[in-house]
Amino acid sequence: MTLDQIPQIKHLTTGNFFLMAGPCVIENHEMPYAIAEKIIQITDRLGIPYIFKASYRKANRSRSDSFTGIGDEAALQILSDIRKQYQVPVVTDIHSVAEAEMAAEYVDILQIPAFLCRQTDLLVAAAKTQRVINIKKGQFLSAGSMRYAVEKVREAGNEKVMLTERGSMFGYQDLIVDFRSIPEMKKNQVPVVLDCTHSLQQPNQHEGVTGGRPDLIETIAKAGIAAGADGLFIETHPNPAQALSDGANMLHLELLDQLLHKLVRIRQAVM
C-alpha cells in the first residue's frame, strides 16, 4: 500500500516518516482531545504525516483489576470525534472478529495486536472492512514469518496493510529490538513501523504491572529511522506516572517536540 490510501493524512510530500501517536487507551472524555491537539501542532509545524492512536479498550492486561476502558461505545465515539474535529486519521486495536466491523465504523486503521497476529479469522475479518490494517509483529515471531500475516489480509481482498516491529522476547521479562526486522518486513512491499514504546516494555513483572525503559525511547527511535523505518509508533501522555495503562513505557508529552525535531534531522540525513 501507499500512505496516500490513508484518509485525511497530511504532509506526504515532505519526505518525513509518518507518526502514529497518542495515549495507550482512552482514559476519560477530556484528555484525548488535548493530546491530539498538542501532537497536531507539533507535526504540522514539522511537516510530519500524523495518525492519532488510542485503544478504545485494553483486552490484554496482566491483572483482572487493571483498567480496561471507559466503555466501548463512549471511547469509539471519542475517536470518531477526534477524526472529524481535527481532520486526522485514527487507529485503534481490535481483539476479536466481532470488533472488526464495529470499530471500522469509527476509525481509519484497524490494528492487530502482536499476540493476535497469527489469528486468521481476526485478520480476515479486519481485511473485509476495507480499512487499512496495521499488524504488529508477534514478540515470538521472526520478521520473515510476517509474510503470512500479510498474505492473509491480501487474500481476503485488502491490499492496504502495514507491519509494525515491537520487539522480541528476550528471556521472561525483557524485549530486544532486532533492527534487521525493518528491511526484512519491507520485502513484503508494505510500510513498516517501529513501535518505540512497546519495544521497551519489561513484561511479566511479579507485581502484575508491566515495566519499561522510557529513557531509551529516543535511542530506539533514532536507530529505527536510521534503519529505514517508514513510520514510528509512540505512546505519549501528559503524566505517564498517572497513566491508567502502560505508563511505565510511555513518553512524556512534553518531550515529544524535541524528540521529533531530532528525528526529522536524522531522516533528512539518511534519505
Protein backbone atom coordinates (compact mmCIF):
# COMPACT_ATOMS: atom_id res chain seq x y z
CA MET A 1 0.00 0.00 0.00
CA THR A 2 0.92 3.67 -0.22
CA LEU A 3 0.34 6.21 2.53
CA ASP A 4 -1.99 8.27 0.36
CA GLN A 5 -4.54 5.47 0.83
CA ILE A 6 -4.95 6.59 4.45
CA PRO A 7 -7.85 9.07 4.61
CA GLN A 8 -7.04 12.64 5.67
CA ILE A 9 -3.31 12.07 6.15
CA LYS A 10 -1.30 15.25 5.53
CA HIS A 11 2.29 16.28 4.73
CA LEU A 12 3.05 13.35 2.42
CA THR A 13 5.26 15.48 0.16
CA THR A 14 7.78 16.40 2.89
CA GLY A 15 9.69 13.11 2.77
CA ASN A 16 9.34 12.67 6.52
CA PHE A 17 8.50 9.45 8.34
CA PHE A 18 4.88 9.20 9.48
CA LEU A 19 3.88 9.14 13.14
CA MET A 20 1.26 7.09 14.96
CA ALA A 21 0.99 8.62 18.41
CA GLY A 22 -1.37 9.19 21.30
CA PRO A 23 -2.27 7.72 24.69
CA CYS A 24 -2.30 3.99 25.32
CA VAL A 25 -6.05 3.97 25.97
CA ILE A 26 -8.96 6.40 26.14
CA GLU A 27 -8.90 7.17 29.87
CA ASN A 28 -11.58 9.85 30.07
CA HIS A 29 -13.59 12.27 27.95
CA GLU A 30 -11.15 15.22 28.01
CA MET A 31 -7.53 14.10 27.78
CA PRO A 32 -7.57 12.54 24.28
CA TYR A 33 -8.54 15.87 22.69
CA ALA A 34 -5.78 17.75 24.50
CA ILE A 35 -3.19 15.16 23.47
CA ALA A 36 -4.36 15.13 19.85
CA GLU A 37 -4.28 18.94 19.67
CA LYS A 38 -0.74 19.11 21.07
CA ILE A 39 0.63 16.46 18.69
CA ILE A 40 -1.08 18.02 15.67
CA GLN A 41 0.50 21.39 16.46
CA ILE A 42 3.96 19.75 16.53
CA THR A 43 3.54 17.57 13.46
CA ASP A 44 2.03 20.37 11.39
CA ARG A 45 4.99 22.58 12.23
CA LEU A 46 7.50 19.86 11.33
CA GLY A 47 5.61 18.54 8.31
CA ILE A 48 5.19 15.02 9.71
CA PRO A 49 2.26 12.90 8.47
CA TYR A 50 0.26 12.10 11.60
CA ILE A 51 -2.20 9.42 12.71
CA PHE A 52 -3.88 9.68 16.13
CA LYS A 53 -3.57 6.45 18.15
CA ALA A 54 -5.54 5.25 21.17
CA SER A 55 -7.06 1.94 22.22
CA TYR A 56 -10.77 2.11 22.92
CA ARG A 57 -10.42 -0.90 25.20
CA LYS A 58 -7.45 -2.78 26.64
CA ALA A 59 -8.07 -6.51 26.43
CA ASN A 60 -4.54 -7.71 27.20
CA ARG A 61 -3.83 -6.86 30.84
CA SER A 62 -1.71 -8.64 33.41
CA ARG A 63 -4.29 -8.47 36.22
CA SER A 64 -8.05 -8.71 36.26
CA ASP A 65 -8.34 -5.46 38.26
CA SER A 66 -6.37 -3.41 35.69
CA PHE A 67 -8.14 -0.54 33.91
CA THR A 68 -9.62 -1.60 30.56
CA GLY A 69 -11.57 1.44 29.38
CA ILE A 70 -14.50 3.84 29.80
CA GLY A 71 -16.88 1.72 27.70
CA ASP A 72 -16.59 0.69 24.07
CA GLU A 73 -19.20 2.99 22.57
CA ALA A 74 -18.06 6.04 24.51
CA ALA A 75 -14.39 5.52 23.64
CA LEU A 76 -15.07 4.80 19.97
CA GLN A 77 -17.19 7.93 19.73
CA ILE A 78 -14.29 9.99 21.09
CA LEU A 79 -12.02 8.52 18.42
CA SER A 80 -14.59 9.38 15.76
CA ASP A 81 -14.93 12.92 17.13
CA ILE A 82 -11.15 13.46 17.01
CA ARG A 83 -11.10 12.13 13.45
CA LYS A 84 -13.77 14.68 12.40
CA GLN A 85 -12.80 17.65 14.55
CA TYR A 86 -9.09 17.64 13.74
CA GLN A 87 -9.28 16.07 10.27
CA VAL A 88 -6.68 13.40 11.06
CA PRO A 89 -6.76 9.64 10.53
CA VAL A 90 -7.26 7.48 13.61
CA VAL A 91 -6.06 3.98 14.54
CA THR A 92 -7.23 1.62 17.29
CA ASP A 93 -6.73 -2.05 18.20
CA ILE A 94 -9.25 -4.83 17.82
CA HIS A 95 -9.20 -8.18 19.58
CA SER A 96 -11.99 -10.30 18.10
CA VAL A 97 -13.86 -10.89 14.84
CA ALA A 98 -16.93 -9.10 16.18
CA GLU A 99 -14.92 -5.97 16.95
CA ALA A 100 -13.61 -5.56 13.40
CA GLU A 101 -16.82 -4.37 11.78
CA MET A 102 -17.85 -2.39 14.86
CA ALA A 103 -14.58 -0.42 15.20
CA ALA A 104 -14.31 0.13 11.45
CA GLU A 105 -17.32 2.44 11.65
CA TYR A 106 -15.30 4.87 13.77
CA VAL A 107 -11.65 4.71 12.65
CA ASP A 108 -9.46 4.61 9.54
CA ILE A 109 -6.94 1.96 10.61
CA LEU A 110 -7.54 -1.29 12.47
CA GLN A 111 -4.55 -2.53 14.44
CA ILE A 112 -3.95 -6.21 15.15
CA PRO A 113 -2.15 -6.66 18.49
CA ALA A 114 1.12 -8.59 18.45
CA PHE A 115 -0.24 -11.51 20.47
CA LEU A 116 -3.04 -11.94 17.88
CA CYS A 117 -1.09 -11.55 14.64
CA ARG A 118 -1.50 -15.25 13.75
CA GLN A 119 -5.28 -15.31 14.27
CA THR A 120 -6.56 -15.99 10.78
CA ASP A 121 -10.23 -15.26 11.47
CA LEU A 122 -9.33 -11.90 13.01
CA LEU A 123 -7.06 -10.89 10.12
CA VAL A 124 -9.68 -11.88 7.54
CA ALA A 125 -12.48 -10.04 9.37
CA ALA A 126 -10.32 -6.92 9.63
CA ALA A 127 -9.37 -7.15 5.95
CA LYS A 128 -13.00 -7.39 4.86
CA THR A 129 -13.79 -3.99 6.40
CA GLN A 130 -11.51 -2.46 3.73
CA ARG A 131 -9.89 -0.29 6.36
CA VAL A 132 -6.09 -0.02 6.46
CA ILE A 133 -4.74 -2.89 8.59
CA ASN A 134 -1.67 -2.46 10.81
CA ILE A 135 -0.35 -5.81 12.02
CA LYS A 136 2.07 -5.81 14.93
CA LYS A 137 4.74 -8.49 14.71
CA GLY A 138 4.40 -11.04 17.48
CA GLN A 139 7.13 -10.94 20.11
CA PHE A 140 7.54 -14.67 19.40
CA LEU A 141 7.86 -14.45 15.58
CA SER A 142 10.64 -13.78 13.12
CA ALA A 143 10.33 -10.84 10.76
CA GLY A 144 10.31 -13.19 7.79
CA SER A 145 7.30 -15.11 9.06
CA MET A 146 5.14 -11.98 8.97
CA ARG A 147 4.73 -12.50 5.22
CA TYR A 148 1.99 -14.99 6.02
CA ALA A 149 0.01 -12.43 8.02
CA VAL A 150 0.26 -10.03 5.08
CA GLU A 151 -0.86 -12.77 2.69
CA LYS A 152 -3.96 -13.49 4.79
CA VAL A 153 -5.07 -9.87 4.52
CA ARG A 154 -4.33 -9.68 0.81
CA GLU A 155 -6.04 -12.98 0.06
CA ALA A 156 -9.13 -11.59 1.80
CA GLY A 157 -9.21 -8.80 -0.78
CA ASN A 158 -7.42 -5.96 1.00
CA GLU A 159 -4.07 -4.58 -0.17
CA LYS A 160 -3.99 -1.82 2.48
CA VAL A 161 -1.71 -3.41 5.05
CA MET A 162 1.35 -2.37 7.03
CA LEU A 163 3.56 -4.06 9.62
CA THR A 164 4.92 -2.90 12.97
CA GLU A 165 8.07 -4.10 14.73
CA ARG A 166 7.59 -4.06 18.52
CA GLY A 167 10.48 -6.11 19.85
CA SER A 168 11.15 -9.79 20.51
CA MET A 169 11.05 -11.64 23.81
CA PHE A 170 14.44 -11.78 25.50
CA GLY A 171 14.02 -14.08 28.46
CA TYR A 172 10.83 -13.83 30.51
CA GLN A 173 10.87 -10.13 31.41
CA ASP A 174 12.50 -8.18 28.64
CA LEU A 175 12.32 -7.35 24.94
CA ILE A 176 15.00 -6.58 22.40
CA VAL A 177 14.68 -4.89 19.01
CA ASP A 178 16.35 -6.57 16.06
CA PHE A 179 16.62 -3.72 13.55
CA ARG A 180 17.14 -6.25 10.76
CA SER A 181 13.39 -6.76 11.02
CA ILE A 182 12.72 -3.43 9.32
CA PRO A 183 14.29 -4.18 5.92
CA GLU A 184 13.15 -7.80 6.18
CA MET A 185 9.49 -6.87 6.60
CA LYS A 186 9.75 -4.19 3.89
CA LYS A 187 10.32 -7.04 1.44
CA ASN A 188 6.52 -7.52 1.62
CA GLN A 189 6.11 -4.18 -0.18
CA VAL A 190 4.32 -2.65 2.81
CA PRO A 191 5.10 0.33 5.05
CA VAL A 192 6.99 -0.75 8.17
CA VAL A 193 6.56 0.99 11.51
CA LEU A 194 8.78 0.83 14.59
CA ASP A 195 6.90 0.81 17.90
CA CYS A 196 9.30 2.83 20.06
CA THR A 197 7.43 2.42 23.33
CA HIS A 198 6.11 -1.15 23.49
CA SER A 199 9.53 -2.34 22.30
CA LEU A 200 10.85 -1.08 25.63
CA GLN A 201 8.36 -2.92 27.82
CA GLN A 202 9.50 -5.22 30.61
CA PRO A 203 6.54 -7.63 30.73
CA ASN A 204 5.56 -10.33 33.21
CA GLN A 205 6.70 -8.47 36.32
CA HIS A 206 5.90 -10.26 39.57
CA GLU A 207 3.68 -7.42 40.82
CA GLY A 208 1.42 -7.85 37.78
CA VAL A 209 2.20 -4.47 36.20
CA THR A 210 4.35 -4.21 33.08
CA GLY A 211 7.57 -2.25 33.49
CA GLY A 212 9.50 -0.31 30.88
CA ARG A 213 12.53 1.79 29.88
CA PRO A 214 11.20 5.13 28.60
CA ASP A 215 14.69 6.57 28.95
CA LEU A 216 15.60 4.57 25.82
CA ILE A 217 12.75 5.78 23.59
CA GLU A 218 14.98 8.33 21.88
CA THR A 219 17.70 5.73 21.26
CA ILE A 220 15.25 3.24 19.75
CA ALA A 221 13.56 5.89 17.62
CA LYS A 222 16.84 7.24 16.23
CA ALA A 223 18.02 3.75 15.32
CA GLY A 224 14.68 2.97 13.69
CA ILE A 225 14.83 5.99 11.41
CA ALA A 226 18.45 5.19 10.51
CA ALA A 227 17.43 1.60 9.72
CA GLY A 228 14.78 2.79 7.27
CA ALA A 229 11.50 2.64 9.19
CA ASP A 230 8.70 4.31 7.24
CA GLY A 231 6.85 5.28 10.39
CA LEU A 232 7.13 5.46 14.16
CA PHE A 233 4.60 4.43 16.80
CA ILE A 234 4.90 6.33 20.10
CA GLU A 235 2.52 6.24 23.03
CA THR A 236 2.60 9.54 24.88
CA HIS A 237 0.86 11.03 27.89
CA PRO A 238 0.97 14.35 29.80
CA ASN A 239 1.70 12.45 33.03
CA PRO A 240 2.90 8.88 32.41
CA ALA A 241 3.23 8.19 36.13
CA GLN A 242 -0.54 8.65 36.46
CA ALA A 243 -1.50 6.86 33.24
CA LEU A 244 -4.03 4.06 33.63
CA SER A 245 -2.26 1.74 31.18
CA ASP A 246 1.39 1.28 30.10
CA GLY A 247 2.60 4.38 31.92
CA ALA A 248 5.96 2.70 32.59
CA ASN A 249 6.98 2.81 28.94
CA MET A 250 5.21 5.91 27.58
CA LEU A 251 6.92 9.13 26.50
CA HIS A 252 6.08 12.27 28.43
CA LEU A 253 4.13 14.51 26.06
CA GLU A 254 6.39 17.48 26.81
CA LEU A 255 9.38 15.56 25.39
CA LEU A 256 7.77 14.77 22.04
CA ASP A 257 8.54 18.06 20.28
CA GLN A 258 12.27 17.92 20.94
CA LEU A 259 12.46 14.24 20.00
CA LEU A 260 10.67 14.73 16.68
CA HIS A 261 12.97 17.63 15.78
CA LYS A 262 15.97 15.31 16.15
CA LEU A 263 14.31 12.50 14.21
CA VAL A 264 13.43 14.76 11.29
CA ARG A 265 17.10 15.73 11.01
CA ILE A 266 18.15 12.07 11.00
CA ARG A 267 15.56 11.28 8.35
CA GLN A 268 16.93 14.06 6.17
CA ALA A 269 20.45 12.72 6.59
CA VAL A 270 19.62 9.12 5.63
CA MET A 271 17.29 9.82 2.70
